[in-house]
Amino acid sequence: MTSIPGALLLITLTASLCPAQPADEGQPATTNVMGAEYPRVHADRSVTFRVEAPNARKMLDDAGIEYVYFESPGTAHEWLTWRRDLKDFAPRLF
């Protein structure tokens, strides 16, 4: 396995352990380029990032990188979803 899938898995695991987005909407960081809305800085000094990668799977396929993709229709960013995913994901790390 290459380092890119490992990094993607690490990001997924890290995201699953992070608390939900703070209740306040926050303010765009003063260092954002050309009025970009993200990252946003919240009152508690936490930061929200937004990442969009609509062609990520195609890019991995084109590069010949093996990965596991699972889509869970009808679910959201909720505990049950993360619990199911973590059950599958954790053994792949070791």
PDB file of N, CA and C in Angstrom:
ATOM      1  N   MET A   1       0.856  -1.180   0.000  1.00  0.00           N
ATOM      2  CA  MET A   1       0.000   0.000   0.000  1.00  0.00           C
ATOM      3  C   MET A   1       0.896   1.235   0.000  1.00  0.00           C
ATOM      4  N   THR A   2       0.537   2.235  -0.764  1.00  0.00           N
ATOM      5  CA  THR A   2       1.341   3.449  -0.839  1.00  0.00           C
ATOM      6  C   THR A   2       0.984   4.407   0.284  1.00  0.00           C
ATOM      7  N   SER A   3       1.742   5.482   0.384  1.00  0.00           N
ATOM      8  CA  SER A   3       1.519   6.429   1.472  1.00  0.00           C
ATOM      9  C   SER A   3       0.256   7.266   1.277  1.00  0.00           C
ATOM     10  N   ILE A   4      -0.217   7.439   0.045  1.00  0.00           N
ATOM     11  CA  ILE A   4      -1.428   8.240  -0.180  1.00  0.00           C
ATOM     12  C   ILE A   4      -2.646   7.574   0.451  1.00  0.00           C
ATOM     13  N   PRO A   5      -2.916   6.287   0.200  1.00  0.00           N
ATOM     14  CA  PRO A   5      -4.057   5.667   0.868  1.00  0.00           C
ATOM     15  C   PRO A   5      -3.900   5.679   2.384  1.00  0.00           C
ATOM     16  N   GLY A   6      -2.679   5.485   2.846  1.00  0.00           N
ATOM     17  CA  GLY A   6      -2.453   5.540   4.290  1.00  0.00           C
ATOM     18  C   GLY A   6      -2.817   6.897   4.848  1.00  0.00           C
ATOM     19  N   ALA A   7      -2.462   7.945   4.125  1.00  0.00           N
ATOM     20  CA  ALA A   7      -2.793   9.299   4.564  1.00  0.00           C
ATOM     21  C   ALA A   7      -4.296   9.514   4.535  1.00  0.00           C
ATOM     22  N   LEU A   8      -4.970   9.013   3.498  1.00  0.00           N
ATOM     23  CA  LEU A   8      -6.423   9.148   3.425  1.00  0.00           C
ATOM     24  C   LEU A   8      -7.102   8.412   4.572  1.00  0.00           C
ATOM     25  N   LEU A   9      -6.593   7.238   4.892  1.00  0.00           N
ATOM     26  CA  LEU A   9      -7.163   6.494   6.008  1.00  0.00           C
ATOM     27  C   LEU A   9      -6.937   7.222   7.325  1.00  0.00           C
ATOM     28  N   LEU A  10      -5.757   7.805   7.485  1.00  0.00           N
ATOM     29  CA  LEU A  10      -5.454   8.546   8.705  1.00  0.00           C
ATOM     30  C   LEU A  10      -6.371   9.756   8.841  1.00  0.00           C
ATOM     31  N   ILE A  11      -6.626  10.447   7.748  1.00  0.00           N
ATOM     32  CA  ILE A  11      -7.530  11.596   7.766  1.00  0.00           C
ATOM     33  C   ILE A  11      -8.932  11.146   8.154  1.00  0.00           C
ATOM     34  N   THR A  12      -9.372  10.027   7.593  1.00  0.00           N
ATOM     35  CA  THR A  12     -10.705   9.513   7.912  1.00  0.00           C
ATOM     36  C   THR A  12     -10.817   9.174   9.385  1.00  0.00           C
ATOM     37  N   LEU A  13      -9.807   8.490   9.921  1.00  0.00           N
ATOM     38  CA  LEU A  13      -9.828   8.133  11.330  1.00  0.00           C
ATOM     39  C   LEU A  13      -9.804   9.377  12.201  1.00  0.00           C
ATOM     40  N   THR A  14      -8.967  10.327  11.867  1.00  0.00           N
ATOM     41  CA  THR A  14      -8.875  11.556  12.644  1.00  0.00           C
ATOM     42  C   THR A  14     -10.209  12.289  12.635  1.00  0.00           C
ATOM     43  N   ALA A  15     -10.850  12.354  11.486  1.00  0.00           N
ATOM     44  CA  ALA A  15     -12.144  13.036  11.389  1.00  0.00           C
ATOM     45  C   ALA A  15     -13.189  12.339  12.237  1.00  0.00           C
ATOM     46  N   SER A  16     -13.105  11.011  12.339  1.00  0.00           N
ATOM     47  CA  SER A  16     -14.102  10.284  13.122  1.00  0.00           C
ATOM     48  C   SER A  16     -13.934  10.530  14.611  1.00  0.00           C
ATOM     49  N   LEU A  17     -12.756  10.931  15.034  1.00  0.00           N
ATOM     50  CA  LEU A  17     -12.518  11.167  16.450  1.00  0.00           C
ATOM     51  C   LEU A  17     -12.712  12.619  16.849  1.00  0.00           C
ATOM     52  N   CYS A  18     -12.893  13.492  15.884  1.00  0.00           N
ATOM     53  CA  CYS A  18     -13.050  14.918  16.158  1.00  0.00           C
ATOM     54  C   CYS A  18     -14.472  15.219  16.594  1.00  0.00           C
ATOM     55  N   PRO A  19     -14.628  16.200  17.481  1.00  0.00           N
ATOM     56  CA  PRO A  19     -15.981  16.571  17.880  1.00  0.00           C
ATOM     57  C   PRO A  19     -16.712  17.238  16.725  1.00  0.00           C
ATOM     58  N   ALA A  20     -18.023  17.329  16.869  1.00  0.00           N
ATOM     59  CA  ALA A  20     -18.828  17.984  15.843  1.00  0.00           C
ATOM     60  C   ALA A  20     -18.449  19.448  15.722  1.00  0.00           C
ATOM     61  N   GLN A  21     -18.850  20.053  14.629  1.00  0.00           N
ATOM     62  CA  GLN A  21     -18.541  21.456  14.385  1.00  0.00           C
ATOM     63  C   GLN A  21     -19.123  22.317  15.500  1.00  0.00           C
ATOM     64  N   PRO A  22     -18.369  23.309  15.953  1.00  0.00           N
ATOM     65  CA  PRO A  22     -18.875  24.200  16.998  1.00  0.00           C
ATOM     66  C   PRO A  22     -20.182  24.862  16.565  1.00  0.00           C
ATOM     67  N   ALA A  23     -21.018  25.218  17.576  1.00  0.00           N
ATOM     68  CA  ALA A  23     -22.330  25.787  17.293  1.00  0.00           C
ATOM     69  C   ALA A  23     -22.241  27.129  16.575  1.00  0.00           C
ATOM     70  N   ASP A  24     -21.239  27.956  16.917  1.00  0.00           N
ATOM     71  CA  ASP A  24     -21.149  29.247  16.244  1.00  0.00           C
ATOM     72  C   ASP A  24     -20.612  29.058  14.832  1.00  0.00           C
ATOM     73  N   GLU A  25     -20.975  29.951  13.955  1.00  0.00           N
ATOM     74  CA  GLU A  25     -20.569  29.853  12.553  1.00  0.00           C
ATOM     75  C   GLU A  25     -19.111  30.234  12.343  1.00  0.00           C
ATOM     76  N   GLY A  26     -18.524  30.967  13.282  1.00  0.00           N
ATOM     77  CA  GLY A  26     -17.143  31.391  13.134  1.00  0.00           C
ATOM     78  C   GLY A  26     -16.993  32.483  12.092  1.00  0.00           C
ATOM     79  N   GLN A  27     -15.782  32.925  11.935  1.00  0.00           N
ATOM     80  CA  GLN A  27     -15.454  33.975  10.980  1.00  0.00           C
ATOM     81  C   GLN A  27     -14.375  33.458  10.039  1.00  0.00           C
ATOM     82  N   PRO A  28     -14.415  33.864   8.780  1.00  0.00           N
ATOM     83  CA  PRO A  28     -13.330  33.461   7.882  1.00  0.00           C
ATOM     84  C   PRO A  28     -11.985  33.923   8.451  1.00  0.00           C
ATOM     85  N   ALA A  29     -10.982  33.090   8.337  1.00  0.00           N
ATOM     86  CA  ALA A  29      -9.643  33.439   8.826  1.00  0.00           C
ATOM     87  C   ALA A  29      -9.137  34.669   8.090  1.00  0.00           C
ATOM     88  N   THR A  30      -8.407  35.505   8.797  1.00  0.00           N
ATOM     89  CA  THR A  30      -7.876  36.725   8.190  1.00  0.00           C
ATOM     90  C   THR A  30      -6.837  36.418   7.116  1.00  0.00           C
ATOM     91  N   THR A  31      -6.292  35.217   7.135  1.00  0.00           N
ATOM     92  CA  THR A  31      -5.270  34.829   6.160  1.00  0.00           C
ATOM     93  C   THR A  31      -5.860  34.175   4.911  1.00  0.00           C
ATOM     94  N   ASN A  32      -7.189  34.036   4.834  1.00  0.00           N
ATOM     95  CA  ASN A  32      -7.817  33.426   3.658  1.00  0.00           C
ATOM     96  C   ASN A  32      -7.534  34.258   2.418  1.00  0.00           C
ATOM     97  N   VAL A  33      -7.414  33.579   1.292  1.00  0.00           N
ATOM     98  CA  VAL A  33      -7.147  34.286   0.040  1.00  0.00           C
ATOM     99  C   VAL A  33      -8.436  34.771  -0.600  1.00  0.00           C
ATOM    100  N   MET A  34      -8.401  35.946  -1.147  1.00  0.00           N
ATOM    101  CA  MET A  34      -9.471  36.524  -1.952  1.00  0.00           C
ATOM    102  C   MET A  34     -10.866  36.313  -1.372  1.00  0.00           C
ATOM    103  N   GLY A  35     -11.026  36.523  -0.085  1.00  0.00           N
ATOM    104  CA  GLY A  35     -12.350  36.449   0.530  1.00  0.00           C
ATOM    105  C   GLY A  35     -12.925  35.051   0.656  1.00  0.00           C
ATOM    106  N   ALA A  36     -12.078  34.028   0.636  1.00  0.00           N
ATOM    107  CA  ALA A  36     -12.561  32.653   0.779  1.00  0.00           C
ATOM    108  C   ALA A  36     -13.246  32.479   2.136  1.00  0.00           C
ATOM    109  N   GLU A  37     -14.306  31.692   2.183  1.00  0.00           N
ATOM    110  CA  GLU A  37     -15.073  31.485   3.415  1.00  0.00           C
ATOM    111  C   GLU A  37     -14.396  30.511   4.384  1.00  0.00           C
ATOM    112  N   TYR A  38     -13.560  29.623   3.870  1.00  0.00           N
ATOM    113  CA  TYR A  38     -12.908  28.623   4.721  1.00  0.00           C
ATOM    114  C   TYR A  38     -11.414  28.706   4.553  1.00  0.00           C
ATOM    115  N   PRO A  39     -10.662  28.387   5.604  1.00  0.00           N
ATOM    116  CA  PRO A  39     -11.070  27.948   6.934  1.00  0.00           C
ATOM    117  C   PRO A  39     -11.758  29.058   7.716  1.00  0.00           C
ATOM    118  N   ARG A  40     -12.584  28.635   8.693  1.00  0.00           N
ATOM    119  CA  ARG A  40     -13.294  29.552   9.579  1.00  0.00           C
ATOM    120  C   ARG A  40     -12.780  29.358  10.994  1.00  0.00           C
ATOM    121  N   VAL A  41     -12.600  30.445  11.704  1.00  0.00           N
ATOM    122  CA  VAL A  41     -12.112  30.404  13.086  1.00  0.00           C
ATOM    123  C   VAL A  41     -13.291  30.697  14.005  1.00  0.00           C
ATOM    124  N   HIS A  42     -13.472  29.847  15.020  1.00  0.00           N
ATOM    125  CA  HIS A  42     -14.585  29.962  15.958  1.00  0.00           C
ATOM    126  C   HIS A  42     -14.138  30.651  17.245  1.00  0.00           C
ATOM    127  N   ALA A  43     -15.113  31.051  18.041  1.00  0.00           N
ATOM    128  CA  ALA A  43     -14.845  31.778  19.287  1.00  0.00           C
ATOM    129  C   ALA A  43     -13.933  30.988  20.224  1.00  0.00           C
ATOM    130  N   ASP A  44     -14.044  29.666  20.221  1.00  0.00           N
ATOM    131  CA  ASP A  44     -13.201  28.844  21.104  1.00  0.00           C
ATOM    132  C   ASP A  44     -11.838  28.551  20.484  1.00  0.00           C
ATOM    133  N   ARG A  45     -11.527  29.241  19.391  1.00  0.00           N
ATOM    134  CA  ARG A  45     -10.260  29.141  18.660  1.00  0.00           C
ATOM    135  C   ARG A  45     -10.106  27.832  17.885  1.00  0.00           C
ATOM    136  N   SER A  46     -11.196  27.090  17.738  1.00  0.00           N
ATOM    137  CA  SER A  46     -11.156  25.915  16.878  1.00  0.00           C
ATOM    138  C   SER A  46     -11.333  26.384  15.433  1.00  0.00           C
ATOM    139  N   VAL A  47     -10.992  25.533  14.503  1.00  0.00           N
ATOM    140  CA  VAL A  47     -11.022  25.905  13.088  1.00  0.00           C
ATOM    141  C   VAL A  47     -11.804  24.859  12.312  1.00  0.00           C
ATOM    142  N   THR A  48     -12.613  25.311  11.374  1.00  0.00           N
ATOM    143  CA  THR A  48     -13.356  24.422  10.489  1.00  0.00           C
ATOM    144  C   THR A  48     -12.795  24.570   9.079  1.00  0.00           C
ATOM    145  N   PHE A  49     -12.435  23.428   8.489  1.00  0.00           N
ATOM    146  CA  PHE A  49     -11.945  23.387   7.117  1.00  0.00           C
ATOM    147  C   PHE A  49     -13.000  22.727   6.253  1.00  0.00           C
ATOM    148  N   ARG A  50     -13.058  23.076   5.005  1.00  0.00           N
ATOM    149  CA  ARG A  50     -13.950  22.423   4.053  1.00  0.00           C
ATOM    150  C   ARG A  50     -13.082  21.915   2.908  1.00  0.00           C
ATOM    151  N   VAL A  51     -13.187  20.619   2.671  1.00  0.00           N
ATOM    152  CA  VAL A  51     -12.397  20.001   1.615  1.00  0.00           C
ATOM    153  C   VAL A  51     -13.355  19.393   0.601  1.00  0.00           C
ATOM    154  N   GLU A  52     -13.147  19.705  -0.650  1.00  0.00           N
ATOM    155  CA  GLU A  52     -13.942  19.119  -1.719  1.00  0.00           C
ATOM    156  C   GLU A  52     -12.995  18.427  -2.687  1.00  0.00           C
ATOM    157  N   ALA A  53     -13.299  17.179  -2.962  1.00  0.00           N
ATOM    158  CA  ALA A  53     -12.467  16.408  -3.896  1.00  0.00           C
ATOM    159  C   ALA A  53     -13.386  15.552  -4.766  1.00  0.00           C
ATOM    160  N   PRO A  54     -14.135  16.200  -5.663  1.00  0.00           N
ATOM    161  CA  PRO A  54     -15.110  15.455  -6.460  1.00  0.00           C
ATOM    162  C   PRO A  54     -14.489  14.393  -7.365  1.00  0.00           C
ATOM    163  N   ASN A  55     -13.229  14.534  -7.724  1.00  0.00           N
ATOM    164  CA  ASN A  55     -12.581  13.565  -8.618  1.00  0.00           C
ATOM    165  C   ASN A  55     -11.577  12.681  -7.893  1.00  0.00           C
ATOM    166  N   ALA A  56     -11.679  12.596  -6.581  1.00  0.00           N
ATOM    167  CA  ALA A  56     -10.684  11.856  -5.806  1.00  0.00           C
ATOM    168  C   ALA A  56     -10.624  10.385  -6.213  1.00  0.00           C
ATOM    169  N   ARG A  57     -11.774   9.736  -6.356  1.00  0.00           N
ATOM    170  CA  ARG A  57     -11.767   8.317  -6.719  1.00  0.00           C
ATOM    171  C   ARG A  57     -11.167   8.110  -8.105  1.00  0.00           C
ATOM    172  N   LYS A  58     -11.502   8.962  -9.059  1.00  0.00           N
ATOM    173  CA  LYS A  58     -10.947   8.848 -10.409  1.00  0.00           C
ATOM    174  C   LYS A  58      -9.432   9.031 -10.372  1.00  0.00           C
ATOM    175  N   MET A  59      -8.975   9.985  -9.584  1.00  0.00           N
ATOM    176  CA  MET A  59      -7.548  10.249  -9.478  1.00  0.00           C
ATOM    177  C   MET A  59      -6.815   9.029  -8.895  1.00  0.00           C
ATOM    178  N   LEU A  60      -7.389   8.418  -7.867  1.00  0.00           N
ATOM    179  CA  LEU A  60      -6.776   7.224  -7.286  1.00  0.00           C
ATOM    180  C   LEU A  60      -6.782   6.074  -8.286  1.00  0.00           C
ATOM    181  N   ASP A  61      -7.906   5.904  -8.990  1.00  0.00           N
ATOM    182  CA  ASP A  61      -7.997   4.851 -10.013  1.00  0.00           C
ATOM    183  C   ASP A  61      -6.945   5.057 -11.099  1.00  0.00           C
ATOM    184  N   ASP A  62      -6.842   6.287 -11.603  1.00  0.00           N
ATOM    185  CA  ASP A  62      -5.881   6.598 -12.666  1.00  0.00           C
ATOM    186  C   ASP A  62      -4.443   6.355 -12.224  1.00  0.00           C
ATOM    187  N   ALA A  63      -4.173   6.570 -10.939  1.00  0.00           N
ATOM    188  CA  ALA A  63      -2.823   6.380 -10.413  1.00  0.00           C
ATOM    189  C   ALA A  63      -2.554   4.925 -10.034  1.00  0.00           C
ATOM    190  N   GLY A  64      -3.596   4.082 -10.132  1.00  0.00           N
ATOM    191  CA  GLY A  64      -3.425   2.664  -9.794  1.00  0.00           C
ATOM    192  C   GLY A  64      -3.289   2.414  -8.303  1.00  0.00           C
ATOM    193  N   ILE A  65      -3.830   3.305  -7.502  1.00  0.00           N
ATOM    194  CA  ILE A  65      -3.730   3.177  -6.050  1.00  0.00           C
ATOM    195  C   ILE A  65      -4.932   2.395  -5.527  1.00  0.00           C
ATOM    196  N   GLU A  66      -4.651   1.362  -4.751  1.00  0.00           N
ATOM    197  CA  GLU A  66      -5.724   0.573  -4.165  1.00  0.00           C
ATOM    198  C   GLU A  66      -6.323   1.320  -2.982  1.00  0.00           C
ATOM    199  N   TYR A  67      -7.635   1.241  -2.850  1.00  0.00           N
ATOM    200  CA  TYR A  67      -8.325   1.883  -1.737  1.00  0.00           C
ATOM    201  C   TYR A  67      -9.648   1.172  -1.524  1.00  0.00           C
ATOM    202  N   VAL A  68     -10.261   1.464  -0.405  1.00  0.00           N
ATOM    203  CA  VAL A  68     -11.574   0.908  -0.094  1.00  0.00           C
ATOM    204  C   VAL A  68     -12.548   2.068  -0.056  1.00  0.00           C
ATOM    205  N   TYR A  69     -13.645   1.920  -0.762  1.00  0.00           N
ATOM    206  CA  TYR A  69     -14.665   2.970  -0.802  1.00  0.00           C
ATOM    207  C   TYR A  69     -15.975   2.375  -0.334  1.00  0.00           C
ATOM    208  N   PHE A  70     -16.624   3.056   0.562  1.00  0.00           N
ATOM    209  CA  PHE A  70     -17.915   2.610   1.051  1.00  0.00           C
ATOM    210  C   PHE A  70     -18.845   3.810   1.148  1.00  0.00           C
ATOM    211  N   GLU A  71     -20.007   3.680   0.557  1.00  0.00           N
ATOM    212  CA  GLU A  71     -21.001   4.742   0.619  1.00  0.00           C
ATOM    213  C   GLU A  71     -22.199   4.216   1.389  1.00  0.00           C
ATOM    214  N   SER A  72     -22.682   5.018   2.309  1.00  0.00           N
ATOM    215  CA  SER A  72     -23.793   4.623   3.155  1.00  0.00           C
ATOM    216  C   SER A  72     -24.984   5.536   2.882  1.00  0.00           C
ATOM    217  N   PRO A  73     -25.791   5.214   1.877  1.00  0.00           N
ATOM    218  CA  PRO A  73     -26.917   6.077   1.521  1.00  0.00           C
ATOM    219  C   PRO A  73     -27.902   6.220   2.676  1.00  0.00           C
ATOM    220  N   GLY A  74     -28.449   7.392   2.807  1.00  0.00           N
ATOM    221  CA  GLY A  74     -29.462   7.632   3.827  1.00  0.00           C
ATOM    222  C   GLY A  74     -28.922   7.873   5.217  1.00  0.00           C
ATOM    223  N   THR A  75     -27.607   7.916   5.351  1.00  0.00           N
ATOM    224  CA  THR A  75     -27.040   8.202   6.667  1.00  0.00           C
ATOM    225  C   THR A  75     -26.278   9.517   6.600  1.00  0.00           C
ATOM    226  N   ALA A  76     -25.990  10.035   7.751  1.00  0.00           N
ATOM    227  CA  ALA A  76     -25.294  11.319   7.832  1.00  0.00           C
ATOM    228  C   ALA A  76     -24.091  11.175   8.753  1.00  0.00           C
ATOM    229  N   HIS A  77     -23.534  12.299   9.127  1.00  0.00           N
ATOM    230  CA  HIS A  77     -22.398  12.328  10.050  1.00  0.00           C
ATOM    231  C   HIS A  77     -22.939  12.081  11.458  1.00  0.00           C
ATOM    232  N   GLU A  78     -23.174  10.828  11.767  1.00  0.00           N
ATOM    233  CA  GLU A  78     -23.784  10.462  13.041  1.00  0.00           C
ATOM    234  C   GLU A  78     -23.005   9.294  13.643  1.00  0.00           C
ATOM    235  N   TRP A  79     -23.221   9.049  14.913  1.00  0.00           N
ATOM    236  CA  TRP A  79     -22.449   8.034  15.635  1.00  0.00           C
ATOM    237  C   TRP A  79     -22.563   6.658  14.981  1.00  0.00           C
ATOM    238  N   LEU A  80     -23.752   6.231  14.605  1.00  0.00           N
ATOM    239  CA  LEU A  80     -23.917   4.898  14.034  1.00  0.00           C
ATOM    240  C   LEU A  80     -23.093   4.738  12.751  1.00  0.00           C
ATOM    241  N   THR A  81     -23.066   5.762  11.937  1.00  0.00           N
ATOM    242  CA  THR A  81     -22.268   5.709  10.713  1.00  0.00           C
ATOM    243  C   THR A  81     -20.795   5.544  11.045  1.00  0.00           C
ATOM    244  N   TRP A  82     -20.296   6.366  11.972  1.00  0.00           N
ATOM    245  CA  TRP A  82     -18.880   6.288  12.338  1.00  0.00           C
ATOM    246  C   TRP A  82     -18.551   4.959  12.998  1.00  0.00           C
ATOM    247  N   ARG A  83     -19.468   4.429  13.801  1.00  0.00           N
ATOM    248  CA  ARG A  83     -19.223   3.152  14.459  1.00  0.00           C
ATOM    249  C   ARG A  83     -19.088   2.043  13.430  1.00  0.00           C
ATOM    250  N   ARG A  84     -19.972   2.027  12.446  1.00  0.00           N
ATOM    251  CA  ARG A  84     -19.883   1.007  11.387  1.00  0.00           C
ATOM    252  C   ARG A  84     -18.576   1.143  10.607  1.00  0.00           C
ATOM    253  N   ASP A  85     -18.242   2.373  10.238  1.00  0.00           N
ATOM    254  CA  ASP A  85     -17.032   2.589   9.455  1.00  0.00           C
ATOM    255  C   ASP A  85     -15.775   2.268  10.245  1.00  0.00           C
ATOM    256  N   LEU A  86     -15.746   2.644  11.509  1.00  0.00           N
ATOM    257  CA  LEU A  86     -14.570   2.390  12.329  1.00  0.00           C
ATOM    258  C   LEU A  86     -14.352   0.893  12.535  1.00  0.00           C
ATOM    259  N   LYS A  87     -15.436   0.139  12.642  1.00  0.00           N
ATOM    260  CA  LYS A  87     -15.326  -1.312  12.796  1.00  0.00           C
ATOM    261  C   LYS A  87     -14.604  -1.924  11.589  1.00  0.00           C
ATOM    262  N   ASP A  88     -14.868  -1.413  10.407  1.00  0.00           N
ATOM    263  CA  ASP A  88     -14.208  -1.895   9.201  1.00  0.00           C
ATOM    264  C   ASP A  88     -12.805  -1.290   9.046  1.00  0.00           C
ATOM    265  N   PHE A  89     -12.652  -0.033   9.431  1.00  0.00           N
ATOM    266  CA  PHE A  89     -11.433   0.706   9.190  1.00  0.00           C
ATOM    267  C   PHE A  89     -10.283   0.321  10.130  1.00  0.00           C
ATOM    268  N   ALA A  90     -10.568   0.205  11.415  1.00  0.00           N
ATOM    269  CA  ALA A  90      -9.523  -0.026  12.413  1.00  0.00           C
ATOM    270  C   ALA A  90      -8.645  -1.250  12.107  1.00  0.00           C
ATOM    271  N   PRO A  91      -9.221  -2.410  11.759  1.00  0.00           N
ATOM    272  CA  PRO A  91      -8.364  -3.552  11.456  1.00  0.00           C
ATOM    273  C   PRO A  91      -7.463  -3.350  10.247  1.00  0.00           C
ATOM    274  N   ARG A  92      -7.830  -2.464   9.356  1.00  0.00           N
ATOM    275  CA  ARG A  92      -7.006  -2.216   8.166  1.00  0.00           C
ATOM    276  C   ARG A  92      -5.725  -1.456   8.518  1.00  0.00           C
ATOM    277  N   LEU A  93      -5.717  -0.794   9.673  1.00  0.00           N
ATOM    278  CA  LEU A  93      -4.538  -0.042  10.078  1.00  0.00           C
ATOM    279  C   LEU A  93      -3.398  -0.945  10.543  1.00  0.00           C
ATOM    280  N   PHE A  94      -3.758  -2.111  11.052  1.00  0.00           N
ATOM    281  CA  PHE A  94      -2.729  -2.945  11.690  1.00  0.00           C
ATOM    282  C   PHE A  94      -2.534  -4.244  10.988  1.00  0.00           C
TER     283      PHE A  94
END
